[in-house]
């Protein structure tokens, strides 16, 4: 394993401990110090607008539960549920999500209309 990989894993562990309970992980910092890795003084806050893993898929699948819809109607369902992104980004992310769900076999495209598979 490369030194860089070990260092990054320890830094990630330090960040996770600080964010979960607010305590300084002295044991991890001691390991980093022994390896000669400087520990950052300030921990950046976790982004509040970051989507949870699978959140977009759930929104898109929820939109298709009522029946088949064209992509524009799916986007109209997504946009108010993701107010932190622009309408153009909502359109792009919906399209990407529908494509990924199609590859996974969860949705199908009939002409210009998406439906649950």
N, C-alpha and C. Protein backbone atom coordinates (compact mmCIF):
# COMPACT_ATOMS: atom_id res chain seq x y z
N UNK A 1 0.86 -1.17 0.00
CA UNK A 1 0.00 0.00 0.00
C UNK A 1 0.90 1.24 0.00
N UNK A 2 0.54 2.22 -0.78
CA UNK A 2 1.35 3.43 -0.87
C UNK A 2 1.17 4.29 0.38
N UNK A 3 2.24 5.05 0.69
CA UNK A 3 2.17 5.95 1.85
C UNK A 3 1.04 6.96 1.69
N UNK A 4 0.86 7.46 0.48
CA UNK A 4 -0.19 8.46 0.23
C UNK A 4 -1.56 7.89 0.56
N UNK A 5 -1.79 6.62 0.23
CA UNK A 5 -3.07 5.97 0.51
C UNK A 5 -3.30 5.85 2.01
N UNK A 6 -2.26 5.46 2.72
CA UNK A 6 -2.36 5.33 4.19
C UNK A 6 -2.62 6.69 4.82
N UNK A 7 -1.90 7.70 4.36
CA UNK A 7 -2.09 9.05 4.90
C UNK A 7 -3.51 9.55 4.66
N UNK A 8 -4.02 9.35 3.44
CA UNK A 8 -5.37 9.80 3.12
C UNK A 8 -6.42 9.05 3.94
N UNK A 9 -6.20 7.77 4.16
CA UNK A 9 -7.14 6.98 4.97
C UNK A 9 -7.16 7.49 6.41
N UNK A 10 -6.00 7.82 6.96
CA UNK A 10 -5.94 8.35 8.32
C UNK A 10 -6.58 9.73 8.41
N UNK A 11 -6.36 10.57 7.42
CA UNK A 11 -6.99 11.89 7.41
C UNK A 11 -8.52 11.77 7.32
N UNK A 12 -8.98 10.83 6.50
CA UNK A 12 -10.43 10.61 6.38
C UNK A 12 -11.00 10.08 7.69
N UNK A 13 -10.29 9.20 8.37
CA UNK A 13 -10.73 8.68 9.66
C UNK A 13 -10.81 9.81 10.68
N UNK A 14 -9.81 10.67 10.69
CA UNK A 14 -9.80 11.82 11.60
C UNK A 14 -11.02 12.71 11.36
N UNK A 15 -11.30 13.00 10.09
CA UNK A 15 -12.44 13.84 9.73
C UNK A 15 -13.76 13.20 10.17
N UNK A 16 -13.88 11.89 9.96
CA UNK A 16 -15.10 11.18 10.34
C UNK A 16 -15.32 11.22 11.85
N UNK A 17 -14.28 11.03 12.62
CA UNK A 17 -14.40 11.05 14.08
C UNK A 17 -14.79 12.43 14.57
N UNK A 18 -14.16 13.46 14.03
CA UNK A 18 -14.48 14.83 14.44
C UNK A 18 -15.91 15.18 14.10
N UNK A 19 -16.37 14.82 12.91
CA UNK A 19 -17.73 15.16 12.51
C UNK A 19 -18.78 14.36 13.27
N UNK A 20 -18.45 13.14 13.68
CA UNK A 20 -19.46 12.32 14.35
C UNK A 20 -19.66 12.69 15.81
N UNK A 21 -18.57 12.97 16.53
CA UNK A 21 -18.75 13.27 17.95
C UNK A 21 -18.06 14.55 18.42
N UNK A 22 -17.40 15.25 17.54
CA UNK A 22 -16.81 16.54 17.89
C UNK A 22 -15.53 16.46 18.69
N UNK A 23 -15.10 15.27 19.05
CA UNK A 23 -13.89 15.11 19.85
C UNK A 23 -12.66 15.05 18.95
N UNK A 24 -11.53 15.46 19.52
CA UNK A 24 -10.27 15.34 18.79
C UNK A 24 -9.79 13.91 18.87
N UNK A 25 -9.54 13.27 17.75
CA UNK A 25 -9.05 11.89 17.75
C UNK A 25 -7.53 11.87 17.97
N UNK A 26 -7.12 11.98 19.21
CA UNK A 26 -5.69 12.11 19.53
C UNK A 26 -4.88 10.92 19.03
N UNK A 27 -5.46 9.73 19.07
CA UNK A 27 -4.72 8.55 18.61
C UNK A 27 -4.45 8.62 17.10
N UNK A 28 -5.40 9.11 16.33
CA UNK A 28 -5.20 9.24 14.89
C UNK A 28 -4.21 10.36 14.59
N UNK A 29 -4.33 11.46 15.32
CA UNK A 29 -3.40 12.57 15.13
C UNK A 29 -1.97 12.16 15.49
N UNK A 30 -1.83 11.30 16.50
CA UNK A 30 -0.49 10.81 16.87
C UNK A 30 0.10 9.96 15.73
N UNK A 31 -0.73 9.14 15.11
CA UNK A 31 -0.26 8.34 13.98
C UNK A 31 0.15 9.23 12.81
N UNK A 32 -0.66 10.25 12.54
CA UNK A 32 -0.33 11.18 11.46
C UNK A 32 0.97 11.92 11.76
N UNK A 33 1.13 12.35 13.01
CA UNK A 33 2.35 13.06 13.40
C UNK A 33 3.57 12.15 13.25
N UNK A 34 3.43 10.88 13.63
CA UNK A 34 4.53 9.93 13.51
C UNK A 34 4.92 9.71 12.05
N UNK A 35 3.97 9.81 11.17
CA UNK A 35 4.23 9.64 9.74
C UNK A 35 4.70 10.94 9.09
N UNK A 36 4.68 12.05 9.85
CA UNK A 36 5.12 13.32 9.32
C UNK A 36 4.07 14.03 8.48
N UNK A 37 2.82 13.71 8.69
CA UNK A 37 1.73 14.33 7.93
C UNK A 37 1.15 15.47 8.76
N UNK A 38 1.15 16.69 8.22
CA UNK A 38 0.56 17.80 8.98
C UNK A 38 -0.96 17.65 9.06
N UNK A 39 -1.50 17.88 10.25
CA UNK A 39 -2.95 17.79 10.42
C UNK A 39 -3.55 19.18 10.20
N UNK A 40 -4.62 19.26 9.45
CA UNK A 40 -5.25 20.55 9.21
C UNK A 40 -5.80 21.14 10.50
N UNK A 41 -5.66 22.44 10.66
CA UNK A 41 -6.14 23.12 11.87
C UNK A 41 -7.66 23.28 11.86
N UNK A 42 -8.21 23.57 10.67
CA UNK A 42 -9.63 23.85 10.57
C UNK A 42 -10.30 22.73 9.78
N UNK A 43 -11.40 22.24 10.31
CA UNK A 43 -12.16 21.19 9.62
C UNK A 43 -13.31 21.86 8.88
N UNK A 44 -13.32 21.79 7.54
CA UNK A 44 -14.43 22.41 6.82
C UNK A 44 -15.74 21.71 7.15
N UNK A 45 -16.80 22.49 7.21
CA UNK A 45 -18.11 21.93 7.50
C UNK A 45 -18.59 21.09 6.33
N UNK A 46 -19.35 20.06 6.62
CA UNK A 46 -19.91 19.22 5.58
C UNK A 46 -20.97 20.00 4.82
N UNK A 47 -20.97 19.89 3.52
CA UNK A 47 -21.95 20.60 2.70
C UNK A 47 -23.35 20.15 3.05
N UNK A 48 -24.23 21.11 3.25
CA UNK A 48 -25.61 20.79 3.60
C UNK A 48 -26.47 20.49 2.37
N UNK A 49 -26.01 20.92 1.18
CA UNK A 49 -26.81 20.71 -0.02
C UNK A 49 -26.45 19.42 -0.74
N UNK A 50 -25.51 18.68 -0.19
CA UNK A 50 -25.11 17.45 -0.85
C UNK A 50 -26.24 16.42 -0.78
N UNK A 51 -26.52 15.79 -1.91
CA UNK A 51 -27.59 14.80 -1.95
C UNK A 51 -27.12 13.50 -1.29
N UNK A 52 -28.05 12.84 -0.66
CA UNK A 52 -27.75 11.53 -0.10
C UNK A 52 -27.65 10.53 -1.23
N UNK A 53 -26.89 9.51 -0.99
CA UNK A 53 -26.73 8.47 -2.01
C UNK A 53 -28.09 7.84 -2.31
N UNK A 54 -28.47 7.81 -3.56
CA UNK A 54 -29.72 7.21 -3.97
C UNK A 54 -30.95 8.10 -3.86
N UNK A 55 -30.75 9.33 -3.35
CA UNK A 55 -31.88 10.23 -3.16
C UNK A 55 -32.55 10.58 -4.48
N UNK A 56 -31.75 10.88 -5.47
CA UNK A 56 -32.30 11.26 -6.78
C UNK A 56 -33.08 10.09 -7.39
N UNK A 57 -32.56 8.89 -7.26
CA UNK A 57 -33.26 7.71 -7.79
C UNK A 57 -34.63 7.54 -7.14
N UNK A 58 -34.68 7.76 -5.84
CA UNK A 58 -35.96 7.63 -5.13
C UNK A 58 -36.97 8.66 -5.62
N UNK A 59 -36.52 9.89 -5.85
CA UNK A 59 -37.41 10.94 -6.33
C UNK A 59 -37.93 10.59 -7.73
N UNK A 60 -37.05 10.13 -8.60
CA UNK A 60 -37.44 9.79 -9.97
C UNK A 60 -38.41 8.60 -9.97
N UNK A 61 -38.11 7.57 -9.18
CA UNK A 61 -39.01 6.42 -9.11
C UNK A 61 -40.37 6.82 -8.54
N UNK A 62 -40.36 7.74 -7.57
CA UNK A 62 -41.61 8.23 -7.00
C UNK A 62 -42.44 8.94 -8.07
N UNK A 63 -41.78 9.68 -8.94
CA UNK A 63 -42.48 10.40 -10.02
C UNK A 63 -43.16 9.42 -10.97
N UNK A 64 -42.56 8.25 -11.18
CA UNK A 64 -43.10 7.29 -12.14
C UNK A 64 -44.11 6.33 -11.51
N UNK A 65 -44.31 6.41 -10.21
CA UNK A 65 -45.28 5.52 -9.56
C UNK A 65 -46.71 5.81 -10.01
N UNK A 66 -47.00 7.07 -10.35
CA UNK A 66 -48.34 7.45 -10.79
C UNK A 66 -48.64 6.99 -12.21
N UNK A 67 -47.63 6.58 -12.92
CA UNK A 67 -47.80 6.14 -14.30
C UNK A 67 -46.69 6.69 -15.18
N UNK A 68 -46.66 6.26 -16.43
CA UNK A 68 -45.61 6.71 -17.36
C UNK A 68 -45.65 8.23 -17.57
N UNK A 69 -44.46 8.81 -17.74
CA UNK A 69 -44.35 10.26 -17.95
C UNK A 69 -43.17 10.55 -18.88
N UNK A 70 -43.27 11.63 -19.64
CA UNK A 70 -42.09 12.07 -20.39
C UNK A 70 -41.07 12.67 -19.43
N UNK A 71 -39.85 12.77 -19.88
CA UNK A 71 -38.76 13.26 -19.03
C UNK A 71 -39.04 14.65 -18.47
N UNK A 72 -39.71 15.50 -19.22
CA UNK A 72 -39.99 16.86 -18.76
C UNK A 72 -40.90 16.85 -17.54
N UNK A 73 -41.87 15.91 -17.50
CA UNK A 73 -42.75 15.81 -16.34
C UNK A 73 -42.03 15.21 -15.14
N UNK A 74 -41.10 14.31 -15.39
CA UNK A 74 -40.29 13.75 -14.30
C UNK A 74 -39.43 14.86 -13.71
N UNK A 75 -38.86 15.69 -14.58
CA UNK A 75 -38.06 16.83 -14.12
C UNK A 75 -38.92 17.79 -13.31
N UNK A 76 -40.15 18.02 -13.74
CA UNK A 76 -41.06 18.91 -13.00
C UNK A 76 -41.36 18.34 -11.61
N UNK A 77 -41.34 17.04 -11.48
CA UNK A 77 -41.54 16.40 -10.16
C UNK A 77 -40.28 16.55 -9.30
N UNK A 78 -39.12 16.47 -9.93
CA UNK A 78 -37.83 16.52 -9.21
C UNK A 78 -37.51 17.92 -8.72
N UNK A 79 -37.71 18.93 -9.56
CA UNK A 79 -37.25 20.29 -9.28
C UNK A 79 -37.69 20.83 -7.92
N UNK A 80 -38.95 20.74 -7.51
CA UNK A 80 -39.32 21.29 -6.20
C UNK A 80 -38.76 20.48 -5.03
N UNK A 81 -38.38 19.23 -5.29
CA UNK A 81 -37.84 18.41 -4.22
C UNK A 81 -36.32 18.57 -4.09
N UNK A 82 -35.71 19.26 -5.02
CA UNK A 82 -34.27 19.56 -4.98
C UNK A 82 -34.07 21.06 -5.23
N UNK A 83 -34.56 21.92 -4.30
CA UNK A 83 -34.50 23.36 -4.54
C UNK A 83 -33.09 23.94 -4.56
N UNK A 84 -32.10 23.17 -4.09
CA UNK A 84 -30.73 23.69 -4.04
C UNK A 84 -30.04 23.66 -5.40
N UNK A 85 -30.66 23.01 -6.39
CA UNK A 85 -30.05 22.97 -7.73
C UNK A 85 -30.90 23.78 -8.70
N UNK A 86 -30.27 24.24 -9.75
CA UNK A 86 -30.96 25.05 -10.76
C UNK A 86 -31.90 24.18 -11.58
N UNK A 87 -32.89 24.78 -12.24
CA UNK A 87 -33.78 23.98 -13.11
C UNK A 87 -33.02 23.23 -14.21
N UNK A 88 -31.99 23.87 -14.75
CA UNK A 88 -31.19 23.20 -15.79
C UNK A 88 -30.44 22.00 -15.21
N UNK A 89 -29.91 22.16 -14.00
CA UNK A 89 -29.23 21.04 -13.34
C UNK A 89 -30.22 19.93 -13.01
N UNK A 90 -31.43 20.29 -12.63
CA UNK A 90 -32.45 19.29 -12.34
C UNK A 90 -32.77 18.48 -13.59
N UNK A 91 -32.84 19.16 -14.72
CA UNK A 91 -33.11 18.48 -16.00
C UNK A 91 -31.98 17.51 -16.34
N UNK A 92 -30.75 17.98 -16.18
CA UNK A 92 -29.59 17.15 -16.50
C UNK A 92 -29.49 15.95 -15.56
N UNK A 93 -29.67 16.19 -14.26
CA UNK A 93 -29.57 15.11 -13.29
C UNK A 93 -30.70 14.10 -13.45
N UNK A 94 -31.89 14.58 -13.80
CA UNK A 94 -33.00 13.66 -14.04
C UNK A 94 -32.70 12.77 -15.22
N UNK A 95 -32.17 13.35 -16.28
CA UNK A 95 -31.81 12.57 -17.47
C UNK A 95 -30.76 11.52 -17.14
N UNK A 96 -29.74 11.92 -16.39
CA UNK A 96 -28.68 10.98 -16.00
C UNK A 96 -29.25 9.86 -15.13
N UNK A 97 -30.12 10.23 -14.22
CA UNK A 97 -30.71 9.25 -13.31
C UNK A 97 -31.58 8.26 -14.07
N UNK A 98 -32.41 8.76 -14.99
CA UNK A 98 -33.26 7.87 -15.78
C UNK A 98 -32.42 6.88 -16.59
N UNK A 99 -31.32 7.36 -17.15
CA UNK A 99 -30.44 6.48 -17.92
C UNK A 99 -29.84 5.40 -17.03
N UNK A 100 -29.39 5.78 -15.85
CA UNK A 100 -28.80 4.79 -14.93
C UNK A 100 -29.85 3.78 -14.46
N UNK A 101 -31.06 4.27 -14.19
CA UNK A 101 -32.13 3.36 -13.77
C UNK A 101 -32.51 2.40 -14.91
N UNK A 102 -32.42 2.88 -16.14
CA UNK A 102 -32.71 2.03 -17.30
C UNK A 102 -31.67 0.91 -17.41
N UNK A 103 -30.41 1.26 -17.21
CA UNK A 103 -29.34 0.26 -17.26
C UNK A 103 -29.54 -0.80 -16.17
N UNK A 104 -30.02 -0.36 -15.00
CA UNK A 104 -30.27 -1.29 -13.89
C UNK A 104 -31.57 -2.07 -14.08
N UNK A 105 -32.35 -1.74 -15.10
CA UNK A 105 -33.58 -2.47 -15.38
C UNK A 105 -34.77 -2.05 -14.56
N UNK A 106 -34.72 -0.87 -13.93
CA UNK A 106 -35.81 -0.41 -13.08
C UNK A 106 -36.84 0.42 -13.84
N UNK A 107 -36.41 1.06 -14.92
CA UNK A 107 -37.32 1.84 -15.75
C UNK A 107 -37.10 1.47 -17.21
N UNK A 108 -38.09 1.79 -18.03
CA UNK A 108 -37.99 1.52 -19.46
C UNK A 108 -38.46 2.76 -20.21
N UNK A 109 -37.96 2.91 -21.41
CA UNK A 109 -38.32 4.05 -22.26
C UNK A 109 -39.15 3.53 -23.42
N UNK A 110 -40.39 4.00 -23.51
CA UNK A 110 -41.28 3.66 -24.62
C UNK A 110 -41.51 4.91 -25.45
N UNK A 111 -40.79 5.03 -26.55
CA UNK A 111 -40.87 6.25 -27.36
C UNK A 111 -40.24 7.40 -26.59
N UNK A 112 -41.05 8.36 -26.17
CA UNK A 112 -40.55 9.49 -25.38
C UNK A 112 -41.05 9.44 -23.93
N UNK A 113 -41.67 8.33 -23.55
CA UNK A 113 -42.28 8.20 -22.24
C UNK A 113 -41.53 7.19 -21.38
N UNK A 114 -41.21 7.57 -20.14
CA UNK A 114 -40.56 6.69 -19.19
C UNK A 114 -41.60 6.00 -18.33
N UNK A 115 -41.35 4.75 -18.00
CA UNK A 115 -42.27 4.01 -17.13
C UNK A 115 -41.45 3.07 -16.26
N UNK A 116 -42.07 2.62 -15.16
CA UNK A 116 -41.43 1.61 -14.32
C UNK A 116 -41.38 0.30 -15.07
N UNK A 117 -40.27 -0.41 -14.93
CA UNK A 117 -40.11 -1.69 -15.65
C UNK A 117 -40.79 -2.82 -14.89
